[in-house]
Amino acid sequence: METAPPAAAEAAPAKHSLRIHLDAESWVEVTRADGTRLEYGLLPAGSDREFHSDEPLEVRIGNADAASVEADGKPLDLAPYRHANVAHLQLFKTSAAAAADG
């Protein structure tokens, strides 16, 4: 009788990681490219959230001045993505996905 390998051995780790730390209460929304919400709501000060994905992620952070973000372990400056203290960014887009967005 042949046995299947353990599920953990089959699953490769996600290619990308996103870490969000909040110094003050903030609204956070993290959505996969397929529309699946990974986070959606008002999070308290001191919150730390980490997400792993093989897909692009769309991120919105209200009260962005209170947030620090790391993408694939590297600090990310939210200033270019911030408007009226709300940061809106898309992470981990592949060149094929970027071309499809036109």
Foldseek 3Di string as FASTA:
>chain_A
DDDDPDPVVVDDFAPKKKKKAFQAWKFKWKAFPVGRTPDGGIDGGGDMDMDGHNTKIKMKIAQQVRMWMDMRNHTDDQVVQDDPRIGIDIPDQDPVNVVVVD
